Amino acid sequence: MTAGLVLIIGGLVFLSGSAVLAFCWAIRDGQFRNLSAAPLTIFDKDEPVGLPTDRFPSRK
């Protein structure tokens, strides 16, 4: 019982610590600097922003 509890708590500490380190790394690396431009990167020059050009295949 005690060994299982130590493993669970140790795993939770490890996972939460990893998440905090990854978040700090992302902030330091500049991943959150320009959040408004990120959704626009999926559009290329041939596809205008906000106008869907993709179509689903029709059922026959």
PDB file of N, CA and C in Angstrom:
ATOM      1  N   MET A   1       0.827  -1.198   0.000  1.00  0.00           N
ATOM      2  CA  MET A   1       0.000   0.000   0.000  1.00  0.00           C
ATOM      3  C   MET A   1       0.863   1.249   0.000  1.00  0.00           C
ATOM      4  N   THR A   2       1.858   1.279   0.854  1.00  0.00           N
ATOM      5  CA  THR A   2       2.704   2.461   0.960  1.00  0.00           C
ATOM      6  C   THR A   2       3.565   2.634  -0.292  1.00  0.00           C
ATOM      7  N   ALA A   3       4.079   1.523  -0.836  1.00  0.00           N
ATOM      8  CA  ALA A   3       4.910   1.606  -2.036  1.00  0.00           C
ATOM      9  C   ALA A   3       4.084   2.109  -3.218  1.00  0.00           C
ATOM     10  N   GLY A   4       2.857   1.673  -3.320  1.00  0.00           N
ATOM     11  CA  GLY A   4       1.980   2.141  -4.394  1.00  0.00           C
ATOM     12  C   GLY A   4       1.681   3.623  -4.275  1.00  0.00           C
ATOM     13  N   LEU A   5       1.450   4.077  -3.057  1.00  0.00           N
ATOM     14  CA  LEU A   5       1.171   5.488  -2.820  1.00  0.00           C
ATOM     15  C   LEU A   5       2.393   6.345  -3.148  1.00  0.00           C
ATOM     16  N   VAL A   6       3.577   5.863  -2.798  1.00  0.00           N
ATOM     17  CA  VAL A   6       4.811   6.590  -3.114  1.00  0.00           C
ATOM     18  C   VAL A   6       5.001   6.664  -4.627  1.00  0.00           C
ATOM     19  N   LEU A   7       4.709   5.583  -5.333  1.00  0.00           N
ATOM     20  CA  LEU A   7       4.829   5.587  -6.786  1.00  0.00           C
ATOM     21  C   LEU A   7       3.839   6.552  -7.434  1.00  0.00           C
ATOM     22  N   ILE A   8       2.628   6.588  -6.957  1.00  0.00           N
ATOM     23  CA  ILE A   8       1.613   7.482  -7.521  1.00  0.00           C
ATOM     24  C   ILE A   8       1.989   8.942  -7.269  1.00  0.00           C
ATOM     25  N   ILE A   9       2.357   9.254  -6.040  1.00  0.00           N
ATOM     26  CA  ILE A   9       2.731  10.636  -5.706  1.00  0.00           C
ATOM     27  C   ILE A   9       4.002  11.038  -6.451  1.00  0.00           C
ATOM     28  N   GLY A  10       4.956  10.144  -6.533  1.00  0.00           N
ATOM     29  CA  GLY A  10       6.189  10.443  -7.276  1.00  0.00           C
ATOM     30  C   GLY A  10       5.911  10.675  -8.752  1.00  0.00           C
ATOM     31  N   GLY A  11       5.027   9.876  -9.324  1.00  0.00           N
ATOM     32  CA  GLY A  11       4.658  10.069 -10.727  1.00  0.00           C
ATOM     33  C   GLY A  11       3.945  11.385 -10.957  1.00  0.00           C
ATOM     34  N   LEU A  12       3.060  11.751 -10.031  1.00  0.00           N
ATOM     35  CA  LEU A  12       2.361  13.031 -10.153  1.00  0.00           C
ATOM     36  C   LEU A  12       3.328  14.200 -10.049  1.00  0.00           C
ATOM     37  N   VAL A  13       4.277  14.124  -9.132  1.00  0.00           N
ATOM     38  CA  VAL A  13       5.276  15.191  -8.990  1.00  0.00           C
ATOM     39  C   VAL A  13       6.127  15.282 -10.254  1.00  0.00           C
ATOM     40  N   PHE A  14       6.523  14.131 -10.797  1.00  0.00           N
ATOM     41  CA  PHE A  14       7.340  14.123 -12.007  1.00  0.00           C
ATOM     42  C   PHE A  14       6.579  14.704 -13.193  1.00  0.00           C
ATOM     43  N   LEU A  15       5.329  14.286 -13.400  1.00  0.00           N
ATOM     44  CA  LEU A  15       4.549  14.775 -14.524  1.00  0.00           C
ATOM     45  C   LEU A  15       4.233  16.262 -14.413  1.00  0.00           C
ATOM     46  N   SER A  16       3.856  16.708 -13.237  1.00  0.00           N
ATOM     47  CA  SER A  16       3.552  18.132 -13.071  1.00  0.00           C
ATOM     48  C   SER A  16       4.815  18.979 -13.205  1.00  0.00           C
ATOM     49  N   GLY A  17       5.930  18.485 -12.698  1.00  0.00           N
ATOM     50  CA  GLY A  17       7.197  19.201 -12.867  1.00  0.00           C
ATOM     51  C   GLY A  17       7.606  19.275 -14.324  1.00  0.00           C
ATOM     52  N   SER A  18       7.388  18.208 -15.064  1.00  0.00           N
ATOM     53  CA  SER A  18       7.693  18.211 -16.496  1.00  0.00           C
ATOM     54  C   SER A  18       6.817  19.206 -17.239  1.00  0.00           C
ATOM     55  N   ALA A  19       5.552  19.279 -16.868  1.00  0.00           N
ATOM     56  CA  ALA A  19       4.637  20.221 -17.519  1.00  0.00           C
ATOM     57  C   ALA A  19       5.046  21.661 -17.241  1.00  0.00           C
ATOM     58  N   VAL A  20       5.439  21.950 -16.015  1.00  0.00           N
ATOM     59  CA  VAL A  20       5.880  23.308 -15.672  1.00  0.00           C
ATOM     60  C   VAL A  20       7.161  23.659 -16.420  1.00  0.00           C
ATOM     61  N   LEU A  21       8.096  22.736 -16.501  1.00  0.00           N
ATOM     62  CA  LEU A  21       9.335  22.990 -17.234  1.00  0.00           C
ATOM     63  C   LEU A  21       9.071  23.204 -18.723  1.00  0.00           C
ATOM     64  N   ALA A  22       8.183  22.425 -19.304  1.00  0.00           N
ATOM     65  CA  ALA A  22       7.853  22.594 -20.719  1.00  0.00           C
ATOM     66  C   ALA A  22       7.173  23.936 -20.967  1.00  0.00           C
ATOM     67  N   PHE A  23       6.314  24.349 -20.061  1.00  0.00           N
ATOM     68  CA  PHE A  23       5.645  25.642 -20.196  1.00  0.00           C
ATOM     69  C   PHE A  23       6.641  26.785 -20.084  1.00  0.00           C
ATOM     70  N   CYS A  24       7.550  26.705 -19.130  1.00  0.00           N
ATOM     71  CA  CYS A  24       8.590  27.746 -18.977  1.00  0.00           C
ATOM     72  C   CYS A  24       9.497  27.791 -20.196  1.00  0.00           C
ATOM     73  N   TRP A  25       9.845  26.627 -20.749  1.00  0.00           N
ATOM     74  CA  TRP A  25      10.666  26.592 -21.947  1.00  0.00           C
ATOM     75  C   TRP A  25       9.943  27.249 -23.121  1.00  0.00           C
ATOM     76  N   ALA A  26       8.640  26.983 -23.269  1.00  0.00           N
ATOM     77  CA  ALA A  26       7.876  27.559 -24.366  1.00  0.00           C
ATOM     78  C   ALA A  26       7.782  29.076 -24.243  1.00  0.00           C
ATOM     79  N   ILE A  27       7.626  29.573 -23.033  1.00  0.00           N
ATOM     80  CA  ILE A  27       7.588  31.025 -22.826  1.00  0.00           C
ATOM     81  C   ILE A  27       8.940  31.640 -23.161  1.00  0.00           C
ATOM     82  N   ARG A  28      10.011  31.024 -22.679  1.00  0.00           N
ATOM     83  CA  ARG A  28      11.359  31.553 -22.918  1.00  0.00           C
ATOM     84  C   ARG A  28      11.737  31.481 -24.395  1.00  0.00           C
ATOM     85  N   ASP A  29      11.215  30.476 -25.114  1.00  0.00           N
ATOM     86  CA  ASP A  29      11.531  30.289 -26.521  1.00  0.00           C
ATOM     87  C   ASP A  29      10.704  31.199 -27.431  1.00  0.00           C
ATOM     88  N   GLY A  30       9.689  31.869 -26.887  1.00  0.00           N
ATOM     89  CA  GLY A  30       8.889  32.808 -27.669  1.00  0.00           C
ATOM     90  C   GLY A  30       7.691  32.195 -28.359  1.00  0.00           C
ATOM     91  N   GLN A  31       7.201  31.088 -27.868  1.00  0.00           N
ATOM     92  CA  GLN A  31       6.072  30.423 -28.496  1.00  0.00           C
ATOM     93  C   GLN A  31       4.766  31.204 -28.340  1.00  0.00           C
ATOM     94  N   PHE A  32       4.683  32.074 -27.349  1.00  0.00           N
ATOM     95  CA  PHE A  32       3.436  32.790 -27.061  1.00  0.00           C
ATOM     96  C   PHE A  32       3.506  34.268 -27.417  1.00  0.00           C
ATOM     97  N   ARG A  33       4.454  34.674 -28.251  1.00  0.00           N
ATOM     98  CA  ARG A  33       4.612  36.097 -28.563  1.00  0.00           C
ATOM     99  C   ARG A  33       3.499  36.622 -29.456  1.00  0.00           C
ATOM    100  N   ASN A  34       3.165  35.917 -30.513  1.00  0.00           N
ATOM    101  CA  ASN A  34       2.195  36.416 -31.478  1.00  0.00           C
ATOM    102  C   ASN A  34       1.106  35.368 -31.695  1.00  0.00           C
ATOM    103  N   LEU A  35       0.143  35.357 -30.804  1.00  0.00           N
ATOM    104  CA  LEU A  35      -0.915  34.350 -30.870  1.00  0.00           C
ATOM    105  C   LEU A  35      -1.948  34.653 -31.942  1.00  0.00           C
ATOM    106  N   SER A  36      -2.079  35.903 -32.373  1.00  0.00           N
ATOM    107  CA  SER A  36      -3.096  36.234 -33.368  1.00  0.00           C
ATOM    108  C   SER A  36      -2.679  35.838 -34.777  1.00  0.00           C
ATOM    109  N   ALA A  37      -1.391  35.697 -35.046  1.00  0.00           N
ATOM    110  CA  ALA A  37      -0.938  35.327 -36.391  1.00  0.00           C
ATOM    111  C   ALA A  37      -0.898  33.819 -36.600  1.00  0.00           C
ATOM    112  N   ALA A  38      -0.915  33.052 -35.548  1.00  0.00           N
ATOM    113  CA  ALA A  38      -0.805  31.599 -35.673  1.00  0.00           C
ATOM    114  C   ALA A  38      -1.947  30.971 -36.470  1.00  0.00           C
ATOM    115  N   PRO A  39      -3.208  31.364 -36.272  1.00  0.00           N
ATOM    116  CA  PRO A  39      -4.268  30.734 -37.069  1.00  0.00           C
ATOM    117  C   PRO A  39      -4.200  31.080 -38.551  1.00  0.00           C
ATOM    118  N   LEU A  40      -3.541  32.156 -38.902  1.00  0.00           N
ATOM    119  CA  LEU A  40      -3.479  32.573 -40.300  1.00  0.00           C
ATOM    120  C   LEU A  40      -2.386  31.861 -41.081  1.00  0.00           C
ATOM    121  N   THR A  41      -1.530  31.114 -40.417  1.00  0.00           N
ATOM    122  CA  THR A  41      -0.439  30.456 -41.112  1.00  0.00           C
ATOM    123  C   THR A  41      -0.895  29.243 -41.919  1.00  0.00           C
ATOM    124  N   ILE A  42      -2.121  28.796 -41.729  1.00  0.00           N
ATOM    125  CA  ILE A  42      -2.602  27.653 -42.499  1.00  0.00           C
ATOM    126  C   ILE A  42      -3.032  28.062 -43.900  1.00  0.00           C
ATOM    127  N   PHE A  43      -3.213  29.355 -44.136  1.00  0.00           N
ATOM    128  CA  PHE A  43      -3.630  29.830 -45.446  1.00  0.00           C
ATOM    129  C   PHE A  43      -2.406  30.130 -46.296  1.00  0.00           C
ATOM    130  N   ASP A  44      -2.457  29.753 -47.565  1.00  0.00           N
ATOM    131  CA  ASP A  44      -1.383  30.117 -48.473  1.00  0.00           C
ATOM    132  C   ASP A  44      -1.853  31.264 -49.367  1.00  0.00           C
ATOM    133  N   LYS A  45      -1.060  31.623 -50.356  1.00  0.00           N
ATOM    134  CA  LYS A  45      -1.385  32.772 -51.200  1.00  0.00           C
ATOM    135  C   LYS A  45      -2.612  32.520 -52.065  1.00  0.00           C
ATOM    136  N   ASP A  46      -2.875  31.273 -52.425  1.00  0.00           N
ATOM    137  CA  ASP A  46      -4.005  30.964 -53.297  1.00  0.00           C
ATOM    138  C   ASP A  46      -5.339  30.906 -52.564  1.00  0.00           C
ATOM    139  N   GLU A  47      -5.306  30.811 -51.253  1.00  0.00           N
ATOM    140  CA  GLU A  47      -6.534  30.704 -50.482  1.00  0.00           C
ATOM    141  C   GLU A  47      -6.707  31.965 -49.650  1.00  0.00           C
ATOM    142  N   PRO A  48      -7.732  32.762 -49.942  1.00  0.00           N
ATOM    143  CA  PRO A  48      -7.925  34.001 -49.191  1.00  0.00           C
ATOM    144  C   PRO A  48      -8.340  33.725 -47.741  1.00  0.00           C
ATOM    145  N   VAL A  49      -7.956  34.613 -46.867  1.00  0.00           N
ATOM    146  CA  VAL A  49      -8.242  34.465 -45.443  1.00  0.00           C
ATOM    147  C   VAL A  49      -9.743  34.603 -45.203  1.00  0.00           C
ATOM    148  N   GLY A  50     -10.315  33.647 -44.514  1.00  0.00           N
ATOM    149  CA  GLY A  50     -11.716  33.697 -44.137  1.00  0.00           C
ATOM    150  C   GLY A  50     -12.674  33.142 -45.173  1.00  0.00           C
ATOM    151  N   LEU A  51     -12.179  32.763 -46.344  1.00  0.00           N
ATOM    152  CA  LEU A  51     -13.048  32.230 -47.384  1.00  0.00           C
ATOM    153  C   LEU A  51     -12.726  30.755 -47.587  1.00  0.00           C
ATOM    154  N   PRO A  52     -13.618  29.855 -47.164  1.00  0.00           N
ATOM    155  CA  PRO A  52     -13.305  28.424 -47.305  1.00  0.00           C
ATOM    156  C   PRO A  52     -13.363  28.005 -48.772  1.00  0.00           C
ATOM    157  N   THR A  53     -12.357  27.297 -49.207  1.00  0.00           N
ATOM    158  CA  THR A  53     -12.317  26.799 -50.579  1.00  0.00           C
ATOM    159  C   THR A  53     -12.331  25.281 -50.635  1.00  0.00           C
ATOM    160  N   ASP A  54     -12.262  24.628 -49.501  1.00  0.00           N
ATOM    161  CA  ASP A  54     -12.280  23.167 -49.462  1.00  0.00           C
ATOM    162  C   ASP A  54     -13.717  22.669 -49.517  1.00  0.00           C
ATOM    163  N   ARG A  55     -13.891  21.517 -50.149  1.00  0.00           N
ATOM    164  CA  ARG A  55     -15.222  20.931 -50.246  1.00  0.00           C
ATOM    165  C   ARG A  55     -15.160  19.476 -49.805  1.00  0.00           C
ATOM    166  N   PHE A  56     -16.235  19.010 -49.197  1.00  0.00           N
ATOM    167  CA  PHE A  56     -16.336  17.610 -48.818  1.00  0.00           C
ATOM    168  C   PHE A  56     -16.815  16.819 -50.025  1.00  0.00           C
ATOM    169  N   PRO A  57     -16.359  15.594 -50.143  1.00  0.00           N
ATOM    170  CA  PRO A  57     -16.844  14.783 -51.265  1.00  0.00           C
ATOM    171  C   PRO A  57     -18.339  14.512 -51.132  1.00  0.00           C
ATOM    172  N   SER A  58     -19.014  14.564 -52.228  1.00  0.00           N
ATOM    173  CA  SER A  58     -20.474  14.346 -52.187  1.00  0.00           C
ATOM    174  C   SER A  58     -20.777  12.850 -52.195  1.00  0.00           C
ATOM    175  N   ARG A  59     -21.870  12.496 -51.593  1.00  0.00           N
ATOM    176  CA  ARG A  59     -22.312  11.096 -51.581  1.00  0.00           C
ATOM    177  C   ARG A  59     -23.106  10.826 -52.847  1.00  0.00           C
ATOM    178  N   LYS A  60     -22.867   9.682 -53.453  1.00  0.00           N
ATOM    179  CA  LYS A  60     -23.591   9.333 -54.682  1.00  0.00           C
ATOM    180  C   LYS A  60     -24.566   8.231 -54.438  1.00  0.00           C
TER     181      LYS A  60
END
